[in-house]
Amino acid sequence: MWWHVYPLGAVGAEVRPTTPVDDRPVDHRLQQLVPWLDHVVGLGLNGLVLGPVFAASTHGYDTVDHFRVDPRLGDESDLVALVAAAHERGVRVVLDGVFNHVGREHPAFRALEEQGPRASTADLFALEQTDWQQGEPVPVRDFEGHDILVALDHDGRAAEDLVVEVMTYWLDRGIHGWRLDAAYAVPPAFWARVLPRVRERFPDAWSSGEVIHGDAAAVVEASTMDSTTQYELWQAVWHGIADRNCFELAHAVERHDALLATFVPTTFVGNHDVTRIASAVGERFAGHAAAVLFTVAGTPVVYAGDEYGWTAVKEEREGGDDAVRPELPAAPPAPTELTHVHEALIALRRRNPWLHRAHTDVVHLTNTAVVLRTATADAAVVTALNLADDPVEVPAADATRVEAGAGDLRDGTLHLPAAGWAVLTA
């Protein structure tokens, strides 16, 4: 179970500097994350997902050197030390692999701009035509209209070899896996060539692809990834709660269940690209979202700060992500009520590891109330949500004990307060 942090924002680095990458002094900021590792363990989590840490021009997703830590964060020794500190606490580390594209300042692309189509690096990039001349703009694909992000050629061997080399280089330095950024934009066949080569040296390396739409099960089967991000469930948690539409949530949970025959999705209710969950659903419903996250199947990820109920809205403009990627305090703040909710739910999941791949049934459903029962033949966890402004009575689905939240259990019926939720065990 992971805690996800966006390092450049978390350590207060300048996200859009004007100084060229090679001219920036090394600022050893990564060490600022070390005091937060005990907080991660205190929550009950045992994994750290680091957003982009490699040398980049701006926000980290415009990489210029996959083998160099961004000088705004420090150097390789800082990253290795952070990984070692995590290991000392039993925390595994995953890095963000941006392998669909690179930034225009990447030396390989600059060589292509300067030398033209005969450059030795030409095979690395997704060129849209071959009849161009040195000195002309490079006819290269970009990523979703962002011309600062130039796409790699995922059909050729050059990009394949580069990605294998990058992944194994950092796995050899102690990390445990990769979040594959924008994996939906990369042909699954590319990953099917890359990942087996990586597993030859690191058979236990875990990979989770960022897949925001499409047939996730088919992507996993074709790519050999271990997992993909579960955006459909995230969206249903958001809109189901915010719109008081439990039918949307229930439908997504049923579709989520169907994926388990193929793989275990990476589940979340917040990340560095979306509005904070407390802002999306309202602060009084953030616990409802956490209850779903930790009681349905999946590999859960907590976005740093969501456990405190931090609020922020993503905006569609330059810098519109900054609010959801804030600088962290020097030390973890005092826990809030929502922090304790996370601790209780994570502890429940640790006591019931079978939840990782267990199926969920919808046993009660109205617009503003839902009861989910996640179970095996021997045990069950029941999650009940009330989105209404009035108390409600719902079936307890054979549960006998309230583990988290607020609910009064009597004679097989659960009494939930207005805007209340509860998690129960059988």
Protein backbone atom coordinates (compact mmCIF):
# COMPACT_ATOMS: atom_id res chain seq x y z
CA MET A 1 0.00 0.00 0.00
CA TRP A 2 1.57 3.18 -1.26
CA TRP A 3 2.00 6.84 -0.33
CA HIS A 4 2.42 8.94 -3.47
CA VAL A 5 4.32 12.22 -3.50
CA TYR A 6 5.26 14.69 -6.24
CA PRO A 7 8.86 15.50 -5.25
CA LEU A 8 9.46 18.81 -7.05
CA GLY A 9 6.43 20.34 -5.40
CA ALA A 10 6.89 18.59 -2.07
CA VAL A 11 10.38 20.01 -1.51
CA GLY A 12 9.56 23.50 -2.73
CA ALA A 13 11.61 23.39 -5.92
CA GLU A 14 10.98 25.92 -8.68
CA VAL A 15 8.77 24.09 -11.19
CA ARG A 16 9.30 26.39 -14.18
CA PRO A 17 12.87 27.72 -13.91
CA THR A 18 14.38 29.73 -16.74
CA THR A 19 17.95 28.55 -16.14
CA PRO A 20 19.02 25.69 -18.47
CA VAL A 21 19.25 22.32 -16.75
CA ASP A 22 23.02 22.05 -17.08
CA ASP A 23 23.50 25.45 -15.44
CA ARG A 24 21.45 24.72 -12.35
CA PRO A 25 23.28 24.15 -9.06
CA VAL A 26 22.64 20.90 -7.22
CA ASP A 27 20.26 21.55 -4.34
CA HIS A 28 20.03 18.56 -2.00
CA ARG A 29 16.32 18.81 -1.29
CA LEU A 30 15.35 15.13 -1.50
CA GLN A 31 16.49 14.68 2.08
CA GLN A 32 13.44 16.75 3.09
CA LEU A 33 11.30 13.69 2.41
CA VAL A 34 13.12 11.51 4.95
CA PRO A 35 11.19 12.88 7.99
CA TRP A 36 7.97 11.91 6.22
CA LEU A 37 8.91 8.23 6.03
CA ASP A 38 7.96 7.66 9.67
CA HIS A 39 4.59 9.24 8.88
CA VAL A 40 4.15 6.76 6.03
CA VAL A 41 4.88 3.88 8.38
CA GLY A 42 2.66 5.40 11.07
CA LEU A 43 -0.25 5.39 8.67
CA GLY A 44 0.36 1.68 8.14
CA LEU A 45 1.58 2.03 4.55
CA ASN A 46 4.65 0.22 3.27
CA GLY A 47 5.37 1.80 -0.12
CA LEU A 48 6.52 5.15 -1.49
CA VAL A 49 5.66 6.22 -5.04
CA LEU A 50 7.92 9.07 -6.09
CA GLY A 51 6.79 11.32 -8.90
CA PRO A 52 9.42 12.30 -11.48
CA VAL A 53 12.93 12.66 -10.07
CA PHE A 54 15.06 12.72 -13.23
CA ALA A 55 16.65 15.82 -14.73
CA ALA A 56 13.96 17.76 -16.57
CA SER A 57 13.32 21.22 -17.96
CA THR A 58 10.22 22.09 -15.92
CA HIS A 59 7.58 19.90 -14.24
CA GLY A 60 9.54 16.66 -14.40
CA TYR A 61 7.67 15.02 -17.26
CA ASP A 62 9.91 16.70 -19.85
CA THR A 63 12.95 14.56 -19.08
CA VAL A 64 16.38 15.50 -20.37
CA ASP A 65 18.43 12.77 -18.65
CA HIS A 66 16.97 9.52 -17.27
CA PHE A 67 20.27 8.65 -15.57
CA ARG A 68 20.61 11.87 -13.59
CA VAL A 69 18.59 13.07 -10.63
CA ASP A 70 17.13 16.52 -11.21
CA PRO A 71 19.57 19.05 -9.69
CA ARG A 72 16.60 20.83 -8.09
CA LEU A 73 16.21 17.66 -5.98
CA GLY A 74 19.85 16.71 -5.50
CA ASP A 75 21.99 14.01 -7.05
CA GLU A 76 22.07 10.24 -7.28
CA SER A 77 23.49 9.87 -3.77
CA ASP A 78 20.47 11.75 -2.38
CA LEU A 79 18.04 9.41 -4.12
CA VAL A 80 19.98 6.31 -3.07
CA ALA A 81 20.01 7.61 0.52
CA LEU A 82 16.25 8.20 0.45
CA VAL A 83 15.69 4.67 -0.88
CA ALA A 84 17.95 3.27 1.83
CA ALA A 85 16.09 5.21 4.53
CA ALA A 86 12.84 3.82 3.20
CA HIS A 87 14.22 0.28 3.23
CA GLU A 88 15.28 0.69 6.85
CA ARG A 89 11.62 1.25 7.66
CA GLY A 90 10.30 -1.59 5.52
CA VAL A 91 9.08 0.78 2.82
CA ARG A 92 9.50 -0.08 -0.85
CA VAL A 93 10.06 2.60 -3.46
CA VAL A 94 8.63 2.99 -6.96
CA LEU A 95 9.81 5.61 -9.43
CA ASP A 96 7.86 7.45 -12.11
CA GLY A 97 9.01 6.29 -15.53
CA VAL A 98 8.26 8.82 -18.24
CA PHE A 99 8.91 6.69 -21.30
CA ASN A 100 6.36 7.92 -23.81
CA HIS A 101 8.22 11.18 -24.48
CA VAL A 102 11.14 13.39 -23.49
CA GLY A 103 11.67 17.13 -23.31
CA ARG A 104 13.00 19.16 -26.22
CA GLU A 105 16.18 19.89 -24.25
CA HIS A 106 17.07 16.19 -24.23
CA PRO A 107 20.54 15.87 -25.82
CA ALA A 108 19.32 13.18 -28.20
CA PHE A 109 16.63 15.46 -29.57
CA ARG A 110 18.95 18.45 -29.72
CA ALA A 111 21.33 16.36 -31.80
CA LEU A 112 18.46 15.58 -34.15
CA GLU A 113 17.58 19.27 -34.45
CA GLU A 114 21.19 20.18 -35.17
CA GLN A 115 22.22 17.30 -37.44
CA GLY A 116 18.98 16.50 -39.22
CA PRO A 117 17.62 13.09 -40.22
CA ARG A 118 21.11 11.56 -40.42
CA ALA A 119 21.70 12.10 -36.68
CA SER A 120 22.62 8.93 -34.83
CA THR A 121 19.70 9.57 -32.46
CA ALA A 122 17.03 9.80 -35.18
CA ASP A 123 15.82 6.24 -34.57
CA LEU A 124 14.83 7.18 -31.01
CA PHE A 125 12.00 9.49 -32.03
CA ALA A 126 8.56 9.13 -33.62
CA LEU A 127 9.22 11.07 -36.82
CA GLU A 128 6.16 11.72 -38.95
CA GLN A 129 8.02 12.02 -42.24
CA THR A 130 11.41 11.12 -43.66
CA ASP A 131 11.74 13.71 -46.44
CA TRP A 132 12.93 16.59 -44.32
CA GLN A 133 16.21 18.42 -44.36
CA GLN A 134 18.75 19.53 -41.80
CA GLY A 135 17.80 22.97 -40.47
CA GLU A 136 14.06 22.39 -40.87
CA PRO A 137 11.80 21.89 -37.81
CA VAL A 138 11.89 18.24 -36.79
CA PRO A 139 8.61 16.58 -37.88
CA VAL A 140 8.13 14.66 -34.63
CA ARG A 141 4.95 13.65 -32.82
CA ASP A 142 4.27 15.31 -29.51
CA PHE A 143 2.26 14.22 -26.48
CA GLU A 144 -1.37 15.35 -26.59
CA GLY A 145 -0.58 18.69 -28.21
CA HIS A 146 2.25 19.62 -25.82
CA ASP A 147 5.01 20.59 -28.23
CA ILE A 148 7.62 20.61 -25.45
CA LEU A 149 7.11 16.82 -25.12
CA VAL A 150 8.49 14.89 -28.09
CA ALA A 151 7.38 11.30 -28.55
CA LEU A 152 9.71 8.33 -28.69
CA ASP A 153 9.44 5.72 -31.45
CA HIS A 154 8.00 2.70 -29.66
CA ASP A 155 8.20 0.49 -32.72
CA GLY A 156 11.97 0.63 -32.95
CA ARG A 157 14.77 -0.92 -30.96
CA ALA A 158 16.42 2.33 -29.83
CA ALA A 159 13.64 3.36 -27.43
CA GLU A 160 13.26 -0.21 -26.22
CA ASP A 161 16.94 -0.46 -25.34
CA LEU A 162 16.92 2.95 -23.66
CA VAL A 163 13.95 2.13 -21.43
CA VAL A 164 15.35 -1.27 -20.45
CA GLU A 165 18.64 0.37 -19.54
CA VAL A 166 16.93 3.10 -17.48
CA MET A 167 14.66 0.70 -15.62
CA THR A 168 17.42 -1.74 -14.74
CA TYR A 169 19.85 1.05 -13.79
CA TRP A 170 17.58 2.31 -11.02
CA LEU A 171 16.33 -1.11 -9.98
CA ASP A 172 19.98 -1.96 -9.44
CA ARG A 173 20.12 0.97 -7.03
CA GLY A 174 17.41 -0.40 -4.80
CA ILE A 175 14.00 0.64 -6.09
CA HIS A 176 11.28 -1.99 -6.43
CA GLY A 177 9.31 -0.98 -9.49
CA TRP A 178 7.90 1.61 -11.84
CA ARG A 179 4.85 3.73 -12.37
CA LEU A 180 4.68 3.87 -16.17
CA ASP A 181 3.58 7.38 -17.03
CA ALA A 182 1.14 7.85 -19.92
CA ALA A 183 1.21 4.11 -20.55
CA TYR A 184 -2.09 4.44 -22.42
CA ALA A 185 -0.24 6.39 -25.14
CA VAL A 186 2.35 3.65 -25.66
CA PRO A 187 1.58 0.52 -27.70
CA PRO A 188 1.20 -2.49 -25.36
CA ALA A 189 3.58 -4.39 -27.64
CA PHE A 190 6.37 -2.03 -26.55
CA TRP A 191 5.94 -2.95 -22.90
CA ALA A 192 5.70 -6.62 -23.90
CA ARG A 193 9.22 -6.31 -25.31
CA VAL A 194 10.63 -4.18 -22.48
CA LEU A 195 9.23 -5.70 -19.30
CA PRO A 196 10.33 -9.32 -19.87
CA ARG A 197 13.87 -8.06 -20.48
CA VAL A 198 13.73 -6.14 -17.19
CA ARG A 199 12.36 -9.18 -15.34
CA GLU A 200 15.27 -11.29 -16.53
CA ARG A 201 17.40 -9.34 -14.05
CA PHE A 202 14.73 -8.21 -11.58
CA PRO A 203 11.98 -10.82 -11.53
CA ASP A 204 10.11 -9.17 -8.64
CA ALA A 205 10.01 -5.67 -10.09
CA TRP A 206 6.44 -4.32 -10.03
CA SER A 207 4.99 -2.18 -12.81
CA SER A 208 1.78 -0.21 -12.90
CA GLY A 209 0.80 1.66 -16.02
CA GLU A 210 -1.08 4.93 -16.09
CA VAL A 211 -4.14 3.91 -18.12
CA ILE A 212 -6.96 6.43 -18.03
CA HIS A 213 -9.35 4.82 -20.53
CA GLY A 214 -9.83 1.73 -22.66
CA ASP A 215 -9.86 -1.99 -21.94
CA ALA A 216 -7.48 -2.25 -18.98
CA ALA A 217 -7.60 -6.04 -18.85
CA ALA A 218 -6.63 -6.28 -22.52
CA VAL A 219 -3.80 -3.77 -21.95
CA VAL A 220 -2.41 -5.83 -19.07
CA GLU A 221 -2.60 -9.07 -21.02
CA ALA A 222 -0.91 -7.57 -24.10
CA SER A 223 1.70 -5.52 -22.24
CA THR A 224 2.63 -7.91 -19.36
CA MET A 225 2.30 -5.03 -16.87
CA ASP A 226 1.37 -6.07 -13.36
CA SER A 227 -1.31 -3.43 -12.94
CA THR A 228 -2.91 -0.26 -14.26
CA THR A 229 -4.36 2.79 -12.56
CA GLN A 230 -8.10 2.50 -11.87
CA TYR A 231 -9.40 5.80 -13.15
CA GLU A 232 -12.93 4.52 -13.66
CA LEU A 233 -13.32 3.70 -9.98
CA TRP A 234 -11.73 7.03 -8.95
CA GLN A 235 -14.18 8.92 -11.14
CA ALA A 236 -17.13 6.98 -9.77
CA VAL A 237 -16.07 7.63 -6.18
CA TRP A 238 -15.79 11.34 -6.98
CA HIS A 239 -19.01 11.77 -8.93
CA GLY A 240 -20.97 9.12 -7.08
CA ILE A 241 -20.41 10.95 -3.81
CA ALA A 242 -20.44 14.53 -5.10
CA ASP A 243 -23.60 14.01 -7.17
CA ARG A 244 -25.31 11.84 -4.53
CA ASN A 245 -25.53 9.04 -7.06
CA CYS A 246 -24.61 5.74 -5.46
CA PHE A 247 -25.77 3.93 -8.59
CA GLU A 248 -22.72 5.27 -10.43
CA LEU A 249 -20.45 4.07 -7.65
CA ALA A 250 -22.09 0.65 -7.50
CA HIS A 251 -21.81 0.20 -11.27
CA ALA A 252 -18.10 1.05 -11.19
CA VAL A 253 -17.48 -1.36 -8.31
CA GLU A 254 -19.08 -4.15 -10.33
CA ARG A 255 -16.91 -3.33 -13.35
CA HIS A 256 -13.89 -3.12 -11.05
CA ASP A 257 -14.68 -6.62 -9.83
CA ALA A 258 -14.58 -7.97 -13.36
CA LEU A 259 -10.94 -6.88 -13.75
CA LEU A 260 -9.81 -9.18 -10.95
CA ALA A 261 -9.90 -12.20 -13.24
CA THR A 262 -6.95 -10.65 -15.09
CA PHE A 263 -5.08 -8.41 -12.63
CA VAL A 264 -5.33 -6.32 -9.47
CA PRO A 265 -5.81 -2.62 -10.31
CA THR A 266 -3.92 0.22 -8.68
CA THR A 267 -6.62 2.11 -6.80
CA PHE A 268 -6.62 5.73 -5.62
CA VAL A 269 -8.92 8.64 -4.81
CA GLY A 270 -6.32 11.34 -5.46
CA ASN A 271 -3.08 11.97 -7.31
CA HIS A 272 -0.89 14.76 -8.69
CA ASP A 273 -3.09 15.26 -11.75
CA VAL A 274 -6.56 15.67 -10.22
CA THR A 275 -8.52 17.87 -7.84
CA ARG A 276 -8.01 16.88 -4.21
CA ILE A 277 -10.64 14.40 -3.06
CA ALA A 278 -11.70 16.62 -0.14
CA SER A 279 -12.40 19.40 -2.63
CA ALA A 280 -14.04 17.08 -5.14
CA VAL A 281 -16.57 15.48 -2.79
CA GLY A 282 -16.62 17.98 0.07
CA GLU A 283 -14.58 17.71 3.25
CA ARG A 284 -17.26 15.90 5.22
CA PHE A 285 -17.31 13.09 2.64
CA ALA A 286 -13.55 12.49 2.35
CA GLY A 287 -13.87 9.64 4.84
CA HIS A 288 -16.50 7.98 2.65
CA ALA A 289 -14.04 7.96 -0.25
CA ALA A 290 -11.27 6.51 1.92
CA ALA A 291 -13.61 3.80 3.17
CA VAL A 292 -14.24 2.63 -0.38
CA LEU A 293 -10.55 2.82 -1.30
CA PHE A 294 -9.47 0.53 1.53
CA THR A 295 -12.29 -2.00 1.47
CA VAL A 296 -12.51 -2.99 -2.20
CA ALA A 297 -9.92 -5.00 -4.09
CA GLY A 298 -6.84 -3.29 -5.41
CA THR A 299 -3.41 -1.98 -4.56
CA PRO A 300 -4.31 1.27 -2.76
CA VAL A 301 -2.38 4.51 -3.14
CA VAL A 302 -2.77 7.53 -0.85
CA TYR A 303 -1.76 10.86 -2.39
CA ALA A 304 0.32 12.84 0.07
CA GLY A 305 -1.89 15.19 2.04
CA ASP A 306 -5.19 13.47 1.33
CA GLU A 307 -4.85 11.77 4.71
CA TYR A 308 -5.04 15.25 6.26
CA GLY A 309 -7.97 16.36 4.15
CA TRP A 310 -5.96 18.98 2.25
CA THR A 311 -7.98 20.80 -0.38
CA ALA A 312 -7.02 22.10 -3.83
CA VAL A 313 -8.61 22.34 -7.25
CA LYS A 314 -6.87 21.45 -10.50
CA GLU A 315 -7.32 24.13 -13.16
CA GLU A 316 -6.92 23.81 -16.92
CA ARG A 317 -4.21 26.44 -17.40
CA GLU A 318 -0.45 26.73 -17.18
CA GLY A 319 0.39 26.12 -13.55
CA GLY A 320 -3.06 24.68 -12.96
CA ASP A 321 -1.54 21.65 -11.23
CA ASP A 322 0.50 23.64 -8.74
CA ALA A 323 -2.20 23.81 -6.08
CA VAL A 324 -2.54 20.03 -5.93
CA ARG A 325 1.26 19.63 -5.81
CA PRO A 326 2.14 21.79 -2.78
CA GLU A 327 5.27 22.05 -0.74
CA LEU A 328 5.14 19.78 2.30
CA PRO A 329 5.79 21.16 5.78
CA ALA A 330 9.25 20.41 7.16
CA ALA A 331 7.69 17.77 9.42
CA PRO A 332 4.33 16.00 9.32
CA PRO A 333 1.61 18.06 11.01
CA ALA A 334 -0.44 16.80 13.92
CA PRO A 335 -2.93 14.17 12.81
CA THR A 336 -6.47 15.19 12.00
CA GLU A 337 -9.65 13.18 12.41
CA LEU A 338 -9.26 12.09 8.78
CA THR A 339 -5.69 10.98 9.46
CA HIS A 340 -6.98 8.69 12.19
CA VAL A 341 -9.63 7.41 9.78
CA HIS A 342 -6.86 6.44 7.35
CA GLU A 343 -4.92 4.73 10.14
CA ALA A 344 -7.96 2.69 11.14
CA LEU A 345 -8.84 1.69 7.59
CA ILE A 346 -5.26 0.79 6.68
CA ALA A 347 -4.95 -1.27 9.88
CA LEU A 348 -8.16 -3.09 8.96
CA ARG A 349 -6.77 -3.87 5.53
CA ARG A 350 -3.49 -5.12 6.98
CA ARG A 351 -5.46 -7.46 9.25
CA ASN A 352 -7.39 -8.69 6.21
CA PRO A 353 -4.87 -9.00 3.37
CA TRP A 354 -7.34 -11.08 1.38
CA LEU A 355 -9.06 -7.76 0.52
CA HIS A 356 -6.34 -7.29 -2.10
CA ARG A 357 -8.17 -9.51 -4.57
CA ALA A 358 -11.59 -10.20 -3.01
CA HIS A 359 -14.87 -9.66 -4.84
CA THR A 360 -17.44 -7.09 -3.77
CA ASP A 361 -21.22 -7.43 -3.86
CA VAL A 362 -23.66 -4.52 -3.76
CA VAL A 363 -26.21 -5.60 -1.14
CA HIS A 364 -28.17 -2.34 -0.74
CA LEU A 365 -28.52 0.59 -3.10
CA THR A 366 -30.43 3.87 -3.28
CA ASN A 367 -29.44 7.25 -4.69
CA THR A 368 -27.87 8.30 -1.39
CA ALA A 369 -27.03 5.02 0.35
CA VAL A 370 -25.01 1.97 -0.58
CA VAL A 371 -23.82 -1.13 1.25
CA LEU A 372 -20.86 -3.04 -0.21
CA ARG A 373 -19.84 -6.49 1.03
CA THR A 374 -16.32 -7.62 0.14
CA ALA A 375 -15.81 -11.23 1.14
CA THR A 376 -14.27 -14.64 0.82
CA ALA A 377 -15.82 -17.91 1.99
CA ASP A 378 -14.40 -17.29 5.46
CA ALA A 379 -14.52 -13.55 6.12
CA ALA A 380 -16.30 -10.36 5.10
CA VAL A 381 -15.87 -6.59 5.30
CA VAL A 382 -18.97 -4.44 4.88
CA THR A 383 -18.85 -0.78 3.87
CA ALA A 384 -21.95 1.38 4.29
CA LEU A 385 -22.21 4.96 3.03
CA ASN A 386 -24.93 7.52 3.70
CA LEU A 387 -24.76 10.61 1.50
CA ALA A 388 -28.04 12.10 2.72
CA ASP A 389 -28.59 14.88 5.24
CA ASP A 390 -30.83 12.60 7.29
CA PRO A 391 -30.03 9.40 9.21
CA VAL A 392 -30.69 6.13 7.45
CA GLU A 393 -31.09 2.46 8.28
CA VAL A 394 -29.43 -0.11 6.02
CA PRO A 395 -28.89 -3.87 6.22
CA ALA A 396 -25.69 -4.93 7.98
CA ALA A 397 -25.12 -7.81 5.55
CA ASP A 398 -24.32 -10.27 8.38
CA ALA A 399 -21.66 -7.98 9.87
CA THR A 400 -21.32 -8.09 13.64
CA ARG A 401 -18.74 -5.43 14.53
CA VAL A 402 -18.19 -1.77 13.61
CA GLU A 403 -14.49 -1.29 12.85
CA ALA A 404 -14.37 2.31 11.63
CA GLY A 405 -16.69 5.22 11.06
CA ALA A 406 -19.89 5.94 12.96
CA GLY A 407 -22.77 3.50 13.02
CA ASP A 408 -25.07 1.82 15.50
CA LEU A 409 -25.48 -1.89 14.81
CA ARG A 410 -28.63 -3.52 16.20
CA ASP A 411 -30.42 -6.72 15.21
CA GLY A 412 -28.82 -6.94 11.79
CA THR A 413 -29.56 -3.33 10.93
CA LEU A 414 -27.02 -0.53 10.75
CA HIS A 415 -28.13 2.95 11.77
CA LEU A 416 -26.01 5.59 10.05
CA PRO A 417 -26.11 9.27 11.00
CA ALA A 418 -26.61 12.02 8.45
CA ALA A 419 -23.68 11.98 6.00
CA GLY A 420 -22.27 9.03 7.93
CA TRP A 421 -20.33 5.94 6.98
CA ALA A 422 -19.16 2.79 8.66
CA VAL A 423 -16.96 -0.21 7.93
CA LEU A 424 -17.88 -3.46 9.64
CA THR A 425 -16.61 -7.03 9.83
CA ALA A 426 -18.49 -10.28 10.06
